[in-house]
Amino acid sequence: MNTTIANNGLPKLPQAPSGQGSASTQTTGSTSSEAASTTSGADDRVQLTDSARALQEASRTSQGATVDTKKVEQVRQALANGTYRIDASRIADRMMTLDSQLNGKS
């Protein structure tokens, strides 16, 4: 079934001719077990970027991190009492430090 959708000013992308599926679903003159056996010998590899490795390492170390339950309870009580104080200047300073670190500045 062919459906035409207006592109709303976006560039047209190439489309596969109708009647053709992807290479993994097409079998011409062979059984599905033959097709599976020819593709099972391929080596699949994954390469992680440095950023992905850093995120993976950070998630490993945070799993063993302990939560300071006393501090959590103090914050919870301060929020409930309405006495929790937010230091906007401190937050802004830390955000600027983080921005500098993300941009590679010291």
PDB file of N, CA and C in Angstrom:
ATOM      1  N   MET A   1       0.842  -1.164   0.000  1.00  0.00           N
ATOM      2  CA  MET A   1       0.000   0.000   0.000  1.00  0.00           C
ATOM      3  C   MET A   1       0.892   1.233   0.000  1.00  0.00           C
ATOM      4  N   ASN A   2       0.667   2.128  -0.921  1.00  0.00           N
ATOM      5  CA  ASN A   2       1.440   3.360  -1.007  1.00  0.00           C
ATOM      6  C   ASN A   2       0.623   4.512  -0.454  1.00  0.00           C
ATOM      7  N   THR A   3       1.263   5.319   0.363  1.00  0.00           N
ATOM      8  CA  THR A   3       0.617   6.497   0.922  1.00  0.00           C
ATOM      9  C   THR A   3       1.518   7.681   0.664  1.00  0.00           C
ATOM     10  N   THR A   4       0.954   8.756   0.165  1.00  0.00           N
ATOM     11  CA  THR A   4       1.728   9.953  -0.089  1.00  0.00           C
ATOM     12  C   THR A   4       1.428  10.965   1.001  1.00  0.00           C
ATOM     13  N   ILE A   5       2.477  11.493   1.603  1.00  0.00           N
ATOM     14  CA  ILE A   5       2.338  12.490   2.657  1.00  0.00           C
ATOM     15  C   ILE A   5       3.016  13.756   2.171  1.00  0.00           C
ATOM     16  N   ALA A   6       2.332  14.895   2.305  1.00  0.00           N
ATOM     17  CA  ALA A   6       2.916  16.164   1.899  1.00  0.00           C
ATOM     18  C   ALA A   6       4.137  16.448   2.756  1.00  0.00           C
ATOM     19  N   ASN A   7       5.188  17.021   2.145  1.00  0.00           N
ATOM     20  CA  ASN A   7       6.439  17.215   2.870  1.00  0.00           C
ATOM     21  C   ASN A   7       6.495  18.520   3.645  1.00  0.00           C
ATOM     22  N   ASN A   8       5.505  19.363   3.547  1.00  0.00           N
ATOM     23  CA  ASN A   8       5.437  20.613   4.316  1.00  0.00           C
ATOM     24  C   ASN A   8       6.701  21.448   4.204  1.00  0.00           C
ATOM     25  N   GLY A   9       7.287  21.477   3.017  1.00  0.00           N
ATOM     26  CA  GLY A   9       8.463  22.294   2.800  1.00  0.00           C
ATOM     27  C   GLY A   9       9.767  21.609   3.145  1.00  0.00           C
ATOM     28  N   LEU A  10       9.708  20.402   3.688  1.00  0.00           N
ATOM     29  CA  LEU A  10      10.917  19.669   4.030  1.00  0.00           C
ATOM     30  C   LEU A  10      11.432  18.957   2.789  1.00  0.00           C
ATOM     31  N   PRO A  11      12.740  18.712   2.714  1.00  0.00           N
ATOM     32  CA  PRO A  11      13.276  18.019   1.542  1.00  0.00           C
ATOM     33  C   PRO A  11      12.776  16.587   1.490  1.00  0.00           C
ATOM     34  N   LYS A  12      12.600  16.083   0.262  1.00  0.00           N
ATOM     35  CA  LYS A  12      12.157  14.705   0.097  1.00  0.00           C
ATOM     36  C   LYS A  12      13.325  13.760   0.346  1.00  0.00           C
ATOM     37  N   LEU A  13      13.058  12.687   1.040  1.00  0.00           N
ATOM     38  CA  LEU A  13      14.052  11.666   1.312  1.00  0.00           C
ATOM     39  C   LEU A  13      13.861  10.523   0.331  1.00  0.00           C
ATOM     40  N   PRO A  14      14.948   9.874  -0.075  1.00  0.00           N
ATOM     41  CA  PRO A  14      14.801   8.751  -1.003  1.00  0.00           C
ATOM     42  C   PRO A  14      14.044   7.614  -0.345  1.00  0.00           C
ATOM     43  N   GLN A  15      13.206   6.963  -1.126  1.00  0.00           N
ATOM     44  CA  GLN A  15      12.424   5.850  -0.615  1.00  0.00           C
ATOM     45  C   GLN A  15      12.726   4.609  -1.427  1.00  0.00           C
ATOM     46  N   ALA A  16      12.641   3.469  -0.787  1.00  0.00           N
ATOM     47  CA  ALA A  16      12.847   2.202  -1.491  1.00  0.00           C
ATOM     48  C   ALA A  16      11.669   1.971  -2.418  1.00  0.00           C
ATOM     49  N   PRO A  17      11.913   1.398  -3.581  1.00  0.00           N
ATOM     50  CA  PRO A  17      10.814   1.085  -4.486  1.00  0.00           C
ATOM     51  C   PRO A  17       9.821   0.157  -3.812  1.00  0.00           C
ATOM     52  N   SER A  18       8.535   0.302  -4.163  1.00  0.00           N
ATOM     53  CA  SER A  18       7.516  -0.529  -3.533  1.00  0.00           C
ATOM     54  C   SER A  18       7.707  -1.984  -3.923  1.00  0.00           C
ATOM     55  N   GLY A  19       7.351  -2.871  -2.997  1.00  0.00           N
ATOM     56  CA  GLY A  19       7.477  -4.294  -3.252  1.00  0.00           C
ATOM     57  C   GLY A  19       8.790  -4.871  -2.776  1.00  0.00           C
ATOM     58  N   GLN A  20       9.707  -4.033  -2.302  1.00  0.00           N
ATOM     59  CA  GLN A  20      10.977  -4.538  -1.801  1.00  0.00           C
ATOM     60  C   GLN A  20      11.039  -4.329  -0.304  1.00  0.00           C
ATOM     61  N   GLY A  21      11.427  -5.352   0.395  1.00  0.00           N
ATOM     62  CA  GLY A  21      11.605  -5.248   1.835  1.00  0.00           C
ATOM     63  C   GLY A  21      13.063  -5.041   2.137  1.00  0.00           C
ATOM     64  N   SER A  22      13.412  -5.069   3.398  1.00  0.00           N
ATOM     65  CA  SER A  22      14.812  -4.944   3.758  1.00  0.00           C
ATOM     66  C   SER A  22      15.529  -6.240   3.428  1.00  0.00           C
ATOM     67  N   ALA A  23      16.828  -6.197   3.338  1.00  0.00           N
ATOM     68  CA  ALA A  23      17.620  -7.369   2.972  1.00  0.00           C
ATOM     69  C   ALA A  23      17.454  -8.489   3.983  1.00  0.00           C
ATOM     70  N   SER A  24      17.208  -8.148   5.230  1.00  0.00           N
ATOM     71  CA  SER A  24      17.101  -9.187   6.249  1.00  0.00           C
ATOM     72  C   SER A  24      15.781  -9.943   6.159  1.00  0.00           C
ATOM     73  N   THR A  25      14.748  -9.364   5.518  1.00  0.00           N
ATOM     74  CA  THR A  25      13.470 -10.039   5.438  1.00  0.00           C
ATOM     75  C   THR A  25      13.245 -10.696   4.103  1.00  0.00           C
ATOM     76  N   GLN A  26      14.066 -10.425   3.107  1.00  0.00           N
ATOM     77  CA  GLN A  26      13.886 -11.016   1.797  1.00  0.00           C
ATOM     78  C   GLN A  26      14.619 -12.341   1.703  1.00  0.00           C
ATOM     79  N   THR A  27      13.931 -13.315   1.178  1.00  0.00           N
ATOM     80  CA  THR A  27      14.574 -14.569   0.841  1.00  0.00           C
ATOM     81  C   THR A  27      14.054 -14.965  -0.527  1.00  0.00           C
ATOM     82  N   THR A  28      14.931 -15.146  -1.473  1.00  0.00           N
ATOM     83  CA  THR A  28      14.520 -15.522  -2.812  1.00  0.00           C
ATOM     84  C   THR A  28      15.063 -16.904  -3.110  1.00  0.00           C
ATOM     85  N   GLY A  29      14.165 -17.886  -3.147  1.00  0.00           N
ATOM     86  CA  GLY A  29      14.565 -19.232  -3.487  1.00  0.00           C
ATOM     87  C   GLY A  29      15.298 -19.977  -2.391  1.00  0.00           C
ATOM     88  N   SER A  30      15.349 -19.469  -1.181  1.00  0.00           N
ATOM     89  CA  SER A  30      16.005 -20.185  -0.098  1.00  0.00           C
ATOM     90  C   SER A  30      15.079 -20.232   1.094  1.00  0.00           C
ATOM     91  N   THR A  31      15.287 -21.187   1.932  1.00  0.00           N
ATOM     92  CA  THR A  31      14.460 -21.292   3.123  1.00  0.00           C
ATOM     93  C   THR A  31      14.940 -20.301   4.164  1.00  0.00           C
ATOM     94  N   SER A  32      14.112 -20.052   5.146  1.00  0.00           N
ATOM     95  CA  SER A  32      14.491 -19.096   6.186  1.00  0.00           C
ATOM     96  C   SER A  32      15.674 -19.614   7.000  1.00  0.00           C
ATOM     97  N   SER A  33      15.811 -20.911   7.152  1.00  0.00           N
ATOM     98  CA  SER A  33      16.948 -21.434   7.913  1.00  0.00           C
ATOM     99  C   SER A  33      18.249 -21.221   7.161  1.00  0.00           C
ATOM    100  N   GLU A  34      18.206 -21.292   5.812  1.00  0.00           N
ATOM    101  CA  GLU A  34      19.406 -21.015   5.023  1.00  0.00           C
ATOM    102  C   GLU A  34      19.799 -19.555   5.151  1.00  0.00           C
ATOM    103  N   ALA A  35      18.811 -18.664   5.119  1.00  0.00           N
ATOM    104  CA  ALA A  35      19.097 -17.239   5.242  1.00  0.00           C
ATOM    105  C   ALA A  35      19.664 -16.927   6.620  1.00  0.00           C
ATOM    106  N   ALA A  36      19.131 -17.571   7.636  1.00  0.00           N
ATOM    107  CA  ALA A  36      19.618 -17.334   8.995  1.00  0.00           C
ATOM    108  C   ALA A  36      21.035 -17.834   9.164  1.00  0.00           C
ATOM    109  N   SER A  37      21.350 -18.960   8.539  1.00  0.00           N
ATOM    110  CA  SER A  37      22.685 -19.506   8.715  1.00  0.00           C
ATOM    111  C   SER A  37      23.737 -18.662   8.015  1.00  0.00           C
ATOM    112  N   THR A  38      23.376 -17.964   6.947  1.00  0.00           N
ATOM    113  CA  THR A  38      24.366 -17.141   6.253  1.00  0.00           C
ATOM    114  C   THR A  38      24.648 -15.855   7.000  1.00  0.00           C
ATOM    115  N   THR A  39      23.700 -15.355   7.781  1.00  0.00           N
ATOM    116  CA  THR A  39      23.916 -14.102   8.500  1.00  0.00           C
ATOM    117  C   THR A  39      24.440 -14.310   9.911  1.00  0.00           C
ATOM    118  N   SER A  40      24.365 -15.535  10.435  1.00  0.00           N
ATOM    119  CA  SER A  40      24.770 -15.747  11.824  1.00  0.00           C
ATOM    120  C   SER A  40      26.285 -15.714  12.003  1.00  0.00           C
ATOM    121  N   GLY A  41      27.063 -15.844  10.930  1.00  0.00           N
ATOM    122  CA  GLY A  41      28.508 -15.847  11.050  1.00  0.00           C
ATOM    123  C   GLY A  41      29.123 -14.462  11.110  1.00  0.00           C
ATOM    124  N   ALA A  42      28.341 -13.422  10.908  1.00  0.00           N
ATOM    125  CA  ALA A  42      28.874 -12.056  10.890  1.00  0.00           C
ATOM    126  C   ALA A  42      29.287 -11.637  12.303  1.00  0.00           C
ATOM    127  N   ASP A  43      30.374 -10.879  12.386  1.00  0.00           N
ATOM    128  CA  ASP A  43      30.830 -10.363  13.673  1.00  0.00           C
ATOM    129  C   ASP A  43      30.153  -9.030  13.946  1.00  0.00           C
ATOM    130  N   ASP A  44      29.448  -8.934  15.048  1.00  0.00           N
ATOM    131  CA  ASP A  44      28.833  -7.691  15.465  1.00  0.00           C
ATOM    132  C   ASP A  44      29.752  -7.021  16.468  1.00  0.00           C
ATOM    133  N   ARG A  45      29.968  -5.738  16.295  1.00  0.00           N
ATOM    134  CA  ARG A  45      30.850  -5.000  17.199  1.00  0.00           C
ATOM    135  C   ARG A  45      30.194  -3.703  17.609  1.00  0.00           C
ATOM    136  N   VAL A  46      30.510  -3.285  18.802  1.00  0.00           N
ATOM    137  CA  VAL A  46      30.031  -2.017  19.321  1.00  0.00           C
ATOM    138  C   VAL A  46      31.234  -1.241  19.803  1.00  0.00           C
ATOM    139  N   GLN A  47      31.342   0.010  19.380  1.00  0.00           N
ATOM    140  CA  GLN A  47      32.408   0.877  19.871  1.00  0.00           C
ATOM    141  C   GLN A  47      31.764   2.032  20.619  1.00  0.00           C
ATOM    142  N   LEU A  48      32.149   2.189  21.863  1.00  0.00           N
ATOM    143  CA  LEU A  48      31.616   3.266  22.681  1.00  0.00           C
ATOM    144  C   LEU A  48      32.495   4.504  22.544  1.00  0.00           C
ATOM    145  N   THR A  49      31.864   5.659  22.524  1.00  0.00           N
ATOM    146  CA  THR A  49      32.623   6.906  22.503  1.00  0.00           C
ATOM    147  C   THR A  49      33.184   7.151  23.896  1.00  0.00           C
ATOM    148  N   ASP A  50      34.089   8.091  23.996  1.00  0.00           N
ATOM    149  CA  ASP A  50      34.651   8.437  25.299  1.00  0.00           C
ATOM    150  C   ASP A  50      33.559   8.923  26.243  1.00  0.00           C
ATOM    151  N   SER A  51      32.602   9.676  25.711  1.00  0.00           N
ATOM    152  CA  SER A  51      31.496  10.171  26.541  1.00  0.00           C
ATOM    153  C   SER A  51      30.662   9.019  27.079  1.00  0.00           C
ATOM    154  N   ALA A  52      30.385   8.041  26.226  1.00  0.00           N
ATOM    155  CA  ALA A  52      29.596   6.887  26.662  1.00  0.00           C
ATOM    156  C   ALA A  52      30.340   6.099  27.726  1.00  0.00           C
ATOM    157  N   ARG A  53      31.658   5.954  27.567  1.00  0.00           N
ATOM    158  CA  ARG A  53      32.442   5.253  28.580  1.00  0.00           C
ATOM    159  C   ARG A  53      32.422   5.995  29.911  1.00  0.00           C
ATOM    160  N   ALA A  54      32.518   7.315  29.840  1.00  0.00           N
ATOM    161  CA  ALA A  54      32.490   8.122  31.064  1.00  0.00           C
ATOM    162  C   ALA A  54      31.140   7.988  31.768  1.00  0.00           C
ATOM    163  N   LEU A  55      30.055   7.996  31.005  1.00  0.00           N
ATOM    164  CA  LEU A  55      28.734   7.823  31.606  1.00  0.00           C
ATOM    165  C   LEU A  55      28.584   6.436  32.211  1.00  0.00           C
ATOM    166  N   GLN A  56      29.117   5.447  31.527  1.00  0.00           N
ATOM    167  CA  GLN A  56      29.054   4.083  32.039  1.00  0.00           C
ATOM    168  C   GLN A  56      29.822   3.970  33.353  1.00  0.00           C
ATOM    169  N   GLU A  57      31.000   4.566  33.401  1.00  0.00           N
ATOM    170  CA  GLU A  57      31.809   4.537  34.622  1.00  0.00           C
ATOM    171  C   GLU A  57      31.115   5.285  35.755  1.00  0.00           C
ATOM    172  N   ALA A  58      30.513   6.420  35.441  1.00  0.00           N
ATOM    173  CA  ALA A  58      29.815   7.202  36.468  1.00  0.00           C
ATOM    174  C   ALA A  58      28.629   6.427  37.028  1.00  0.00           C
ATOM    175  N   SER A  59      27.939   5.684  36.182  1.00  0.00           N
ATOM    176  CA  SER A  59      26.794   4.912  36.675  1.00  0.00           C
ATOM    177  C   SER A  59      27.259   3.763  37.567  1.00  0.00           C
ATOM    178  N   ARG A  60      28.424   3.212  37.284  1.00  0.00           N
ATOM    179  CA  ARG A  60      28.953   2.136  38.132  1.00  0.00           C
ATOM    180  C   ARG A  60      29.301   2.650  39.521  1.00  0.00           C
ATOM    181  N   THR A  61      29.958   3.796  39.590  1.00  0.00           N
ATOM    182  CA  THR A  61      30.381   4.305  40.892  1.00  0.00           C
ATOM    183  C   THR A  61      29.201   4.810  41.707  1.00  0.00           C
ATOM    184  N   SER A  62      28.156   5.300  41.048  1.00  0.00           N
ATOM    185  CA  SER A  62      27.017   5.814  41.803  1.00  0.00           C
ATOM    186  C   SER A  62      26.170   4.699  42.392  1.00  0.00           C
ATOM    187  N   GLN A  63      26.293   3.483  41.865  1.00  0.00           N
ATOM    188  CA  GLN A  63      25.527   2.367  42.396  1.00  0.00           C
ATOM    189  C   GLN A  63      25.983   2.012  43.807  1.00  0.00           C
ATOM    190  N   GLY A  64      27.248   2.198  44.088  1.00  0.00           N
ATOM    191  CA  GLY A  64      27.771   1.875  45.402  1.00  0.00           C
ATOM    192  C   GLY A  64      27.701   3.052  46.367  1.00  0.00           C
ATOM    193  N   ALA A  65      27.239   4.193  45.907  1.00  0.00           N
ATOM    194  CA  ALA A  65      27.181   5.386  46.749  1.00  0.00           C
ATOM    195  C   ALA A  65      26.114   5.211  47.826  1.00  0.00           C
ATOM    196  N   THR A  66      26.432   5.706  49.008  1.00  0.00           N
ATOM    197  CA  THR A  66      25.472   5.636  50.096  1.00  0.00           C
ATOM    198  C   THR A  66      24.727   6.953  50.202  1.00  0.00           C
ATOM    199  N   VAL A  67      23.528   6.882  50.695  1.00  0.00           N
ATOM    200  CA  VAL A  67      22.694   8.065  50.874  1.00  0.00           C
ATOM    201  C   VAL A  67      22.774   8.486  52.335  1.00  0.00           C
ATOM    202  N   ASP A  68      23.019   9.765  52.538  1.00  0.00           N
ATOM    203  CA  ASP A  68      23.072  10.300  53.893  1.00  0.00           C
ATOM    204  C   ASP A  68      21.631  10.516  54.362  1.00  0.00           C
ATOM    205  N   THR A  69      21.081   9.505  55.010  1.00  0.00           N
ATOM    206  CA  THR A  69      19.670   9.554  55.399  1.00  0.00           C
ATOM    207  C   THR A  69      19.390  10.656  56.419  1.00  0.00           C
ATOM    208  N   LYS A  70      20.387  10.980  57.244  1.00  0.00           N
ATOM    209  CA  LYS A  70      20.203  12.056  58.226  1.00  0.00           C
ATOM    210  C   LYS A  70      20.016  13.396  57.502  1.00  0.00           C
ATOM    211  N   LYS A  71      20.841  13.637  56.484  1.00  0.00           N
ATOM    212  CA  LYS A  71      20.740  14.877  55.711  1.00  0.00           C
ATOM    213  C   LYS A  71      19.413  14.929  54.950  1.00  0.00           C
ATOM    214  N   VAL A  72      19.011  13.803  54.394  1.00  0.00           N
ATOM    215  CA  VAL A  72      17.743  13.744  53.662  1.00  0.00           C
ATOM    216  C   VAL A  72      16.589  14.073  54.602  1.00  0.00           C
ATOM    217  N   GLU A  73      16.619  13.529  55.779  1.00  0.00           N
ATOM    218  CA  GLU A  73      15.551  13.798  56.748  1.00  0.00           C
ATOM    219  C   GLU A  73      15.537  15.259  57.172  1.00  0.00           C
ATOM    220  N   GLN A  74      16.733  15.872  57.337  1.00  0.00           N
ATOM    221  CA  GLN A  74      16.795  17.290  57.692  1.00  0.00           C
ATOM    222  C   GLN A  74      16.173  18.156  56.602  1.00  0.00           C
ATOM    223  N   VAL A  75      16.488  17.841  55.347  1.00  0.00           N
ATOM    224  CA  VAL A  75      15.918  18.609  54.230  1.00  0.00           C
ATOM    225  C   VAL A  75      14.414  18.392  54.165  1.00  0.00           C
ATOM    226  N   ARG A  76      13.987  17.158  54.365  1.00  0.00           N
ATOM    227  CA  ARG A  76      12.548  16.858  54.340  1.00  0.00           C
ATOM    228  C   ARG A  76      11.807  17.651  55.412  1.00  0.00           C
ATOM    229  N   GLN A  77      12.372  17.714  56.612  1.00  0.00           N
ATOM    230  CA  GLN A  77      11.738  18.469  57.703  1.00  0.00           C
ATOM    231  C   GLN A  77      11.710  19.966  57.393  1.00  0.00           C
ATOM    232  N   ALA A  78      12.813  20.481  56.843  1.00  0.00           N
ATOM    233  CA  ALA A  78      12.867  21.911  56.515  1.00  0.00           C
ATOM    234  C   ALA A  78      11.844  22.261  55.440  1.00  0.00           C
ATOM    235  N   LEU A  79      11.675  21.377  54.468  1.00  0.00           N
ATOM    236  CA  LEU A  79      10.659  21.612  53.439  1.00  0.00           C
ATOM    237  C   LEU A  79       9.260  21.587  54.041  1.00  0.00           C
ATOM    238  N   ALA A  80       9.019  20.628  54.925  1.00  0.00           N
ATOM    239  CA  ALA A  80       7.703  20.512  55.547  1.00  0.00           C
ATOM    240  C   ALA A  80       7.392  21.723  56.433  1.00  0.00           C
ATOM    241  N   ASN A  81       8.419  22.239  57.118  1.00  0.00           N
ATOM    242  CA  ASN A  81       8.228  23.392  58.009  1.00  0.00           C
ATOM    243  C   ASN A  81       8.216  24.723  57.274  1.00  0.00           C
ATOM    244  N   GLY A  82       8.675  24.706  56.030  1.00  0.00           N
ATOM    245  CA  GLY A  82       8.765  25.960  55.280  1.00  0.00           C
ATOM    246  C   GLY A  82      10.010  26.754  55.628  1.00  0.00           C
ATOM    247  N   THR A  83      11.003  26.118  56.218  1.00  0.00           N
ATOM    248  CA  THR A  83      12.224  26.817  56.624  1.00  0.00           C
ATOM    249  C   THR A  83      13.412  26.505  55.722  1.00  0.00           C
ATOM    250  N   TYR A  84      13.191  25.758  54.651  1.00  0.00           N
ATOM    251  CA  TYR A  84      14.286  25.419  53.740  1.00  0.00           C
ATOM    252  C   TYR A  84      14.701  26.682  52.998  1.00  0.00           C
ATOM    253  N   ARG A  85      15.982  27.017  53.083  1.00  0.00           N
ATOM    254  CA  ARG A  85      16.496  28.246  52.490  1.00  0.00           C
ATOM    255  C   ARG A  85      17.253  27.927  51.207  1.00  0.00           C
ATOM    256  N   ILE A  86      16.926  28.640  50.150  1.00  0.00           N
ATOM    257  CA  ILE A  86      17.593  28.457  48.870  1.00  0.00           C
ATOM    258  C   ILE A  86      18.539  29.625  48.651  1.00  0.00           C
ATOM    259  N   ASP A  87      19.803  29.324  48.422  1.00  0.00           N
ATOM    260  CA  ASP A  87      20.815  30.343  48.183  1.00  0.00           C
ATOM    261  C   ASP A  87      21.022  30.459  46.667  1.00  0.00           C
ATOM    262  N   ALA A  88      20.314  31.414  46.059  1.00  0.00           N
ATOM    263  CA  ALA A  88      20.344  31.575  44.602  1.00  0.00           C
ATOM    264  C   ALA A  88      21.748  31.903  44.100  1.00  0.00           C
ATOM    265  N   SER A  89      22.510  32.664  44.860  1.00  0.00           N
ATOM    266  CA  SER A  89      23.866  33.021  44.466  1.00  0.00           C
ATOM    267  C   SER A  89      24.760  31.788  44.395  1.00  0.00           C
ATOM    268  N   ARG A  90      24.622  30.909  45.372  1.00  0.00           N
ATOM    269  CA  ARG A  90      25.415  29.676  45.391  1.00  0.00           C
ATOM    270  C   ARG A  90      25.050  28.776  44.213  1.00  0.00           C
ATOM    271  N   ILE A  91      23.757  28.683  43.916  1.00  0.00           N
ATOM    272  CA  ILE A  91      23.308  27.879  42.776  1.00  0.00           C
ATOM    273  C   ILE A  91      23.868  28.454  41.482  1.00  0.00           C
ATOM    274  N   ALA A  92      23.811  29.777  41.332  1.00  0.00           N
ATOM    275  CA  ALA A  92      24.324  30.417  40.120  1.00  0.00           C
ATOM    276  C   ALA A  92      25.822  30.188  39.968  1.00  0.00           C
ATOM    277  N   ASP A  93      26.560  30.292  41.060  1.00  0.00           N
ATOM    278  CA  ASP A  93      28.008  30.049  41.013  1.00  0.00           C
ATOM    279  C   ASP A  93      28.317  28.615  40.562  1.00  0.00           C
ATOM    280  N   ARG A  94      27.595  27.674  41.099  1.00  0.00           N
ATOM    281  CA  ARG A  94      27.837  26.268  40.729  1.00  0.00           C
ATOM    282  C   ARG A  94      27.432  25.996  39.282  1.00  0.00           C
ATOM    283  N   MET A  95      26.375  26.653  38.819  1.00  0.00           N
ATOM    284  CA  MET A  95      25.969  26.490  37.421  1.00  0.00           C
ATOM    285  C   MET A  95      27.034  27.060  36.486  1.00  0.00           C
ATOM    286  N   MET A  96      27.620  28.189  36.855  1.00  0.00           N
ATOM    287  CA  MET A  96      28.674  28.785  36.036  1.00  0.00           C
ATOM    288  C   MET A  96      29.922  27.894  36.035  1.00  0.00           C
ATOM    289  N   THR A  97      30.238  27.295  37.173  1.00  0.00           N
ATOM    290  CA  THR A  97      31.371  26.380  37.246  1.00  0.00           C
ATOM    291  C   THR A  97      31.128  25.163  36.356  1.00  0.00           C
ATOM    292  N   LEU A  98      29.923  24.615  36.420  1.00  0.00           N
ATOM    293  CA  LEU A  98      29.583  23.470  35.579  1.00  0.00           C
ATOM    294  C   LEU A  98      29.663  23.839  34.106  1.00  0.00           C
ATOM    295  N   ASP A  99      29.163  25.009  33.742  1.00  0.00           N
ATOM    296  CA  ASP A  99      29.220  25.467  32.356  1.00  0.00           C
ATOM    297  C   ASP A  99      30.660  25.584  31.884  1.00  0.00           C
ATOM    298  N   SER A 100      31.515  26.110  32.732  1.00  0.00           N
ATOM    299  CA  SER A 100      32.928  26.227  32.377  1.00  0.00           C
ATOM    300  C   SER A 100      33.568  24.861  32.174  1.00  0.00           C
ATOM    301  N   GLN A 101      33.235  23.916  33.044  1.00  0.00           N
ATOM    302  CA  GLN A 101      33.773  22.565  32.924  1.00  0.00           C
ATOM    303  C   GLN A 101      33.288  21.891  31.667  1.00  0.00           C
ATOM    304  N   LEU A 102      32.026  22.074  31.325  1.00  0.00           N
ATOM    305  CA  LEU A 102      31.488  21.465  30.112  1.00  0.00           C
ATOM    306  C   LEU A 102      32.086  22.058  28.849  1.00  0.00           C
ATOM    307  N   ASN A 103      32.449  23.318  28.904  1.00  0.00           N
ATOM    308  CA  ASN A 103      33.046  23.987  27.743  1.00  0.00           C
ATOM    309  C   ASN A 103      34.560  23.843  27.693  1.00  0.00           C
ATOM    310  N   GLY A 104      35.140  23.092  28.616  1.00  0.00           N
ATOM    311  CA  GLY A 104      36.573  22.844  28.602  1.00  0.00           C
ATOM    312  C   GLY A 104      37.415  23.956  29.198  1.00  0.00           C
ATOM    313  N   LYS A 105      36.796  24.864  29.915  1.00  0.00           N
ATOM    314  CA  LYS A 105      37.544  25.934  30.563  1.00  0.00           C
ATOM    315  C   LYS A 105      37.770  25.536  32.015  1.00  0.00           C
ATOM    316  N   SER A 106      38.862  26.011  32.584  1.00  0.00           N
ATOM    317  CA  SER A 106      39.145  25.654  33.984  1.00  0.00           C
ATOM    318  C   SER A 106      38.650  26.703  34.936  1.00  0.00           C
TER     319      SER A 106
END
